[in-house]
C-alpha atoms as a PDB file:
ATOM      1  CA  MET A   1       0.063  -0.030  -0.037  1.00  0.00           C
ATOM      2  CA  GLY A   2       1.115   3.558  -0.771  1.00  0.00           C
ATOM      3  CA  LYS A   3       2.499   6.043   1.672  1.00  0.00           C
ATOM      4  CA  MET A   4      -0.637   8.279   1.485  1.00  0.00           C
ATOM      5  CA  ILE A   5      -2.894   5.336   2.375  1.00  0.00           C
ATOM      6  CA  ARG A   6      -0.581   4.427   5.345  1.00  0.00           C
ATOM      7  CA  TRP A   7      -0.798   8.027   6.562  1.00  0.00           C
ATOM      8  CA  TYR A   8      -4.591   8.067   6.049  1.00  0.00           C
ATOM      9  CA  VAL A   9      -4.983   4.890   8.028  1.00  0.00           C
ATOM     10  CA  PHE A  10      -2.746   6.156  10.807  1.00  0.00           C
ATOM     11  CA  GLN A  11      -4.563   9.527  11.111  1.00  0.00           C
ATOM     12  CA  VAL A  12      -8.057   8.131  11.023  1.00  0.00           C
ATOM     13  CA  ASP A  13      -7.179   5.431  13.476  1.00  0.00           C
ATOM     14  CA  ARG A  14      -5.694   8.126  15.826  1.00  0.00           C
ATOM     15  CA  LEU A  15      -8.920  10.259  15.450  1.00  0.00           C
ATOM     16  CA  SER A  16     -11.075   7.239  16.070  1.00  0.00           C
ATOM     17  CA  THR A  17      -9.175   6.441  19.200  1.00  0.00           C
ATOM     18  CA  TRP A  18      -9.479  10.000  20.502  1.00  0.00           C
ATOM     19  CA  THR A  19     -13.273  10.091  19.889  1.00  0.00           C
ATOM     20  CA  GLY A  20     -13.647   6.669  21.412  1.00  0.00           C
ATOM     21  CA  TRP A  21     -12.097   7.927  24.644  1.00  0.00           C
ATOM     22  CA  LEU A  22     -14.419  10.892  24.521  1.00  0.00           C
ATOM     23  CA  ALA A  23     -17.371   8.535  24.081  1.00  0.00           C
ATOM     24  CA  MET A  24     -16.232   6.405  27.023  1.00  0.00           C
ATOM     25  CA  TYR A  25     -16.431   9.430  29.304  1.00  0.00           C
ATOM     26  CA  LEU A  26     -19.961  10.085  28.221  1.00  0.00           C
ATOM     27  CA  ILE A  27     -20.997   7.187  30.369  1.00  0.00           C
ATOM     28  CA  PHE A  28     -19.856   9.251  33.417  1.00  0.00           C
ATOM     29  CA  VAL A  29     -22.124  12.164  32.170  1.00  0.00           C
ATOM     30  CA  LEU A  30     -24.988   9.738  31.709  1.00  0.00           C
ATOM     31  CA  VAL A  31     -24.616   8.232  35.156  1.00  0.00           C
ATOM     32  CA  GLY A  32     -24.203  11.630  36.751  1.00  0.00           C
ATOM     33  CA  VAL A  33     -27.393  12.974  35.116  1.00  0.00           C
ATOM     34  CA  LEU A  34     -29.448   9.888  36.022  1.00  0.00           C
ATOM     35  CA  LEU A  35     -28.158  10.006  39.587  1.00  0.00           C
ATOM     36  CA  LEU A  36     -29.054  13.699  39.823  1.00  0.00           C
ATOM     37  CA  ASP A  37     -32.529  12.791  38.545  1.00  0.00           C
ATOM     38  CA  ALA A  38     -32.951  10.046  41.118  1.00  0.00           C
ATOM     39  CA  VAL A  39     -31.755  12.254  44.010  1.00  0.00           C
ATOM     40  CA  THR A  40     -33.823  15.355  43.141  1.00  0.00           C
ATOM     41  CA  ARG A  41     -37.014  13.206  42.463  1.00  0.00           C
ATOM     42  CA  ASN A  42     -36.841  10.895  45.353  1.00  0.00           C
ATOM     43  CA  LEU A  43     -35.036  12.743  48.183  1.00  0.00           C
ATOM     44  CA  VAL A  44     -35.717  16.459  47.419  1.00  0.00           C
ATOM     45  CA  HIS A  45     -39.097  15.764  45.666  1.00  0.00           C
ATOM     46  CA  ILE A  46     -38.291  18.256  42.897  1.00  0.00           C
ATOM     47  CA  PRO A  47     -38.362  16.282  39.616  1.00  0.00           C
ATOM     48  CA  LEU A  48     -36.055  17.642  36.956  1.00  0.00           C
ATOM     49  CA  HIS A  49     -37.867  17.041  33.746  1.00  0.00           C
ATOM     50  CA  TRP A  50     -34.873  17.416  31.540  1.00  0.00           C
ATOM     51  CA  CYS A  51     -32.733  14.659  33.020  1.00  0.00           C
ATOM     52  CA  VAL A  52     -34.202  11.639  31.291  1.00  0.00           C
ATOM     53  CA  GLU A  53     -34.242  13.338  27.865  1.00  0.00           C
ATOM     54  CA  PHE A  54     -30.699  14.569  28.390  1.00  0.00           C
ATOM     55  CA  ALA A  55     -29.612  11.023  29.327  1.00  0.00           C
ATOM     56  CA  GLN A  56     -31.268   9.746  26.108  1.00  0.00           C
ATOM     57  CA  PHE A  57     -29.366  12.261  23.997  1.00  0.00           C
ATOM     58  CA  THR A  58     -26.174  11.376  25.879  1.00  0.00           C
ATOM     59  CA  LEU A  59     -26.734   7.673  25.152  1.00  0.00           C
ATOM     60  CA  VAL A  60     -27.310   8.348  21.446  1.00  0.00           C
ATOM     61  CA  ALA A  61     -24.050  10.445  21.324  1.00  0.00           C
ATOM     62  CA  TYR A  62     -22.232   7.612  23.223  1.00  0.00           C
ATOM     63  CA  TYR A  63     -23.306   4.882  20.586  1.00  0.00           C
ATOM     64  CA  PHE A  64     -22.621   7.171  17.498  1.00  0.00           C
ATOM     65  CA  VAL A  65     -19.345   8.714  18.627  1.00  0.00           C
ATOM     66  CA  GLY A  66     -18.104   5.322  19.938  1.00  0.00           C
ATOM     67  CA  ALA A  67     -18.798   3.458  16.704  1.00  0.00           C
ATOM     68  CA  PRO A  68     -15.553   4.383  14.867  1.00  0.00           C
ATOM     69  CA  TYR A  69     -13.553   3.218  17.849  1.00  0.00           C
ATOM     70  CA  SER A  70     -15.433  -0.049  18.065  1.00  0.00           C
ATOM     71  CA  LEU A  71     -14.980  -0.550  14.351  1.00  0.00           C
ATOM     72  CA  LYS A  72     -11.214   0.195  14.572  1.00  0.00           C
ATOM     73  CA  ASN A  73     -10.735  -2.257  17.469  1.00  0.00           C
ATOM     74  CA  ASP A  74     -12.857  -4.943  15.811  1.00  0.00           C
ATOM     75  CA  GLY A  75     -15.245  -4.727  18.802  1.00  0.00           C
ATOM     76  CA  HIS A  76     -18.370  -5.314  16.816  1.00  0.00           C
ATOM     77  CA  VAL A  77     -20.466  -8.481  16.810  1.00  0.00           C
ATOM     78  CA  ARG A  78     -19.728 -10.996  14.046  1.00  0.00           C
ATOM     79  CA  MET A  79     -21.415 -14.117  13.072  1.00  0.00           C
ATOM     80  CA  ASP A  80     -18.570 -16.490  12.664  1.00  0.00           C
ATOM     81  CA  LEU A  81     -20.264 -19.782  11.859  1.00  0.00           C
ATOM     82  CA  LEU A  82     -18.008 -20.167   8.735  1.00  0.00           C
ATOM     83  CA  TYR A  83     -15.646 -17.175   9.317  1.00  0.00           C
ATOM     84  CA  SER A  84     -13.689 -18.753  12.136  1.00  0.00           C
ATOM     85  CA  HIS A  85     -12.744 -21.701   9.876  1.00  0.00           C
ATOM     86  CA  LEU A  86     -11.152 -19.494   7.194  1.00  0.00           C
ATOM     87  CA  SER A  87      -7.456 -18.619   6.694  1.00  0.00           C
ATOM     88  CA  ASP A  88      -6.367 -15.094   7.616  1.00  0.00           C
ATOM     89  CA  ARG A  89      -6.158 -14.151   3.896  1.00  0.00           C
ATOM     90  CA  ASN A  90      -9.623 -15.563   3.173  1.00  0.00           C
ATOM     91  CA  LYS A  91     -10.991 -13.759   6.235  1.00  0.00           C
ATOM     92  CA  ALA A  92      -9.535 -10.566   4.897  1.00  0.00           C
ATOM     93  CA  ARG A  93     -11.093 -11.181   1.463  1.00  0.00           C
ATOM     94  CA  LEU A  94     -14.460 -11.713   2.989  1.00  0.00           C
ATOM     95  CA  ASP A  95     -13.971  -8.610   5.178  1.00  0.00           C
ATOM     96  CA  VAL A  96     -13.176  -6.542   2.006  1.00  0.00           C
ATOM     97  CA  PHE A  97     -16.657  -7.516   0.760  1.00  0.00           C
ATOM     98  CA  THR A  98     -18.331  -6.702   4.020  1.00  0.00           C
ATOM     99  CA  ASP A  99     -16.470  -3.522   4.394  1.00  0.00           C
ATOM    100  CA  CYS A 100     -17.957  -2.366   1.086  1.00  0.00           C
ATOM    101  CA  CYS A 101     -21.466  -3.407   2.258  1.00  0.00           C
ATOM    102  CA  LEU A 102     -20.820  -1.477   5.468  1.00  0.00           C
ATOM    103  CA  MET A 103     -19.713   1.659   3.623  1.00  0.00           C
ATOM    104  CA  PHE A 104     -22.822   1.514   1.429  1.00  0.00           C
ATOM    105  CA  PHE A 105     -25.027   1.271   4.550  1.00  0.00           C
ATOM    106  CA  LEU A 106     -23.160   4.130   6.204  1.00  0.00           C
ATOM    107  CA  VAL A 107     -23.404   6.293   3.188  1.00  0.00           C
ATOM    108  CA  VAL A 108     -27.167   5.787   3.044  1.00  0.00           C
ATOM    109  CA  LEU A 109     -27.408   6.506   6.754  1.00  0.00           C
ATOM    110  CA  LEU A 110     -25.326   9.623   6.318  1.00  0.00           C
ATOM    111  CA  ILE A 111     -27.636  10.842   3.563  1.00  0.00           C
ATOM    112  CA  GLY A 112     -30.663  10.328   5.804  1.00  0.00           C
ATOM    113  CA  ALA A 113     -28.932  11.985   8.778  1.00  0.00           C
ATOM    114  CA  ILE A 114     -27.922  15.111   6.650  1.00  0.00           C
ATOM    115  CA  SER A 115     -31.499  15.360   5.380  1.00  0.00           C
ATOM    116  CA  SER A 116     -32.907  15.090   9.004  1.00  0.00           C
ATOM    117  CA  THR A 117     -30.362  17.622  10.236  1.00  0.00           C
ATOM    118  CA  ARG A 118     -31.168  20.049   7.439  1.00  0.00           C
ATOM    119  CA  TYR A 119     -34.841  19.669   8.214  1.00  0.00           C
ATOM    120  CA  ALA A 120     -34.142  20.299  11.946  1.00  0.00           C
ATOM    121  CA  ILE A 121     -32.188  23.450  11.146  1.00  0.00           C
ATOM    122  CA  GLU A 122     -34.717  24.832   8.614  1.00  0.00           C
ATOM    123  CA  THR A 123     -37.698  24.218  10.996  1.00  0.00           C
ATOM    124  CA  ASN A 124     -35.814  24.931  14.227  1.00  0.00           C
ATOM    125  CA  GLN A 125     -37.056  21.483  15.365  1.00  0.00           C
ATOM    126  CA  HIS A 126     -37.639  20.896  19.042  1.00  0.00           C
ATOM    127  CA  ASN A 127     -38.637  17.700  20.869  1.00  0.00           C
ATOM    128  CA  PHE A 128     -42.218  17.793  21.949  1.00  0.00           C
ATOM    129  CA  SER A 129     -41.872  17.361  25.652  1.00  0.00           C
ATOM    130  CA  MET A 130     -41.895  19.353  28.883  1.00  0.00           C
ATOM    131  CA  TRP A 131     -38.274  20.286  28.448  1.00  0.00           C
ATOM    132  CA  ASN A 132     -38.617  21.079  24.752  1.00  0.00           C
ATOM    133  CA  PRO A 133     -34.930  20.754  23.676  1.00  0.00           C
ATOM    134  CA  SER A 134     -33.652  21.610  20.278  1.00  0.00           C
ATOM    135  CA  MET A 135     -32.935  18.625  18.120  1.00  0.00           C
ATOM    136  CA  ILE A 136     -30.287  20.362  16.109  1.00  0.00           C
ATOM    137  CA  PRO A 137     -27.178  19.558  18.417  1.00  0.00           C
ATOM    138  CA  ILE A 138     -27.791  15.775  18.614  1.00  0.00           C
ATOM    139  CA  LYS A 139     -28.476  15.542  14.861  1.00  0.00           C
ATOM    140  CA  VAL A 140     -25.197  17.438  14.109  1.00  0.00           C
ATOM    141  CA  VAL A 141     -23.365  15.047  16.382  1.00  0.00           C
ATOM    142  CA  MET A 142     -24.829  12.094  14.534  1.00  0.00           C
ATOM    143  CA  VAL A 143     -23.864  13.413  11.117  1.00  0.00           C
ATOM    144  CA  LEU A 144     -20.303  14.034  12.278  1.00  0.00           C
ATOM    145  CA  ALA A 145     -20.050  10.600  13.965  1.00  0.00           C
ATOM    146  CA  ILE A 146     -21.527   8.879  10.923  1.00  0.00           C
ATOM    147  CA  GLY A 147     -18.900  10.674   8.772  1.00  0.00           C
ATOM    148  CA  LEU A 148     -16.148   9.567  11.055  1.00  0.00           C
ATOM    149  CA  THR A 149     -17.412   6.022  10.948  1.00  0.00           C
ATOM    150  CA  ILE A 150     -17.281   6.090   7.178  1.00  0.00           C
ATOM    151  CA  LEU A 151     -13.642   7.257   7.343  1.00  0.00           C
ATOM    152  CA  GLN A 152     -12.882   4.478   9.804  1.00  0.00           C
ATOM    153  CA  ALA A 153     -14.586   1.905   7.643  1.00  0.00           C
ATOM    154  CA  LEU A 154     -12.431   3.000   4.750  1.00  0.00           C
ATOM    155  CA  SER A 155      -9.366   2.614   7.020  1.00  0.00           C
ATOM    156  CA  VAL A 156     -10.464  -0.911   7.912  1.00  0.00           C
ATOM    157  CA  PHE A 157     -11.048  -1.594   4.145  1.00  0.00           C
ATOM    158  CA  PHE A 158      -7.457  -0.558   3.362  1.00  0.00           C
ATOM    159  CA  LYS A 159      -6.140  -2.830   6.204  1.00  0.00           C
ATOM    160  CA  ASP A 160      -8.287  -5.782   5.013  1.00  0.00           C
ATOM    161  CA  LEU A 161      -7.313  -5.105   1.406  1.00  0.00           C
ATOM    162  CA  ALA A 162      -3.575  -5.151   2.311  1.00  0.00           C
ATOM    163  CA  MET A 163      -4.077  -8.387   4.294  1.00  0.00           C
ATOM    164  CA  ALA A 164      -5.972 -10.064   1.417  1.00  0.00           C
ATOM    165  CA  ARG A 165      -3.033  -9.248  -0.876  1.00  0.00           C
ATOM    166  CA  GLY A 166      -0.573 -10.727   1.564  1.00  0.00           C
ATOM    167  CA  GLU A 167       0.840  -7.316   2.655  1.00  0.00           C
ATOM    168  CA  GLN A 168       1.046  -5.492   5.943  1.00  0.00           C
ATOM    169  CA  LEU A 169      -0.212  -2.009   6.426  1.00  0.00           C
END
């Protein structure tokens, strides 16, 4: 593989690691908000209506922002009924195919996310609830995270392609 591809893989893997660590810390935000909700609702008897919705948005961000890191570290679920019996090169060949399917799915997902974000911006979309938060921030996070996941999927594709060709990246 060329020098530019090696540089691309290194940079995207590094960015995915950084955002993965950021996503991991979102769990502490999530736990803190839910703990705050439990304390104020049960001990102080002052329910905070924004806590559960904020926790939901945090969980969405956690999943989307953590996806590239999970993909980079091969932390996703794989059905390996046949896969585990293949040689490393044949696994890589199969992975090249599935990487292409993944990128197709992610591009379709990105198109939908961009459309949804554009709609949220044009209409100043808010969630219909007591807290009434704007939907724009979480939708922008989703678009950025899906974009980074596509970049990481391309990085994984390059690694698998190199392995399928008998090279190291």
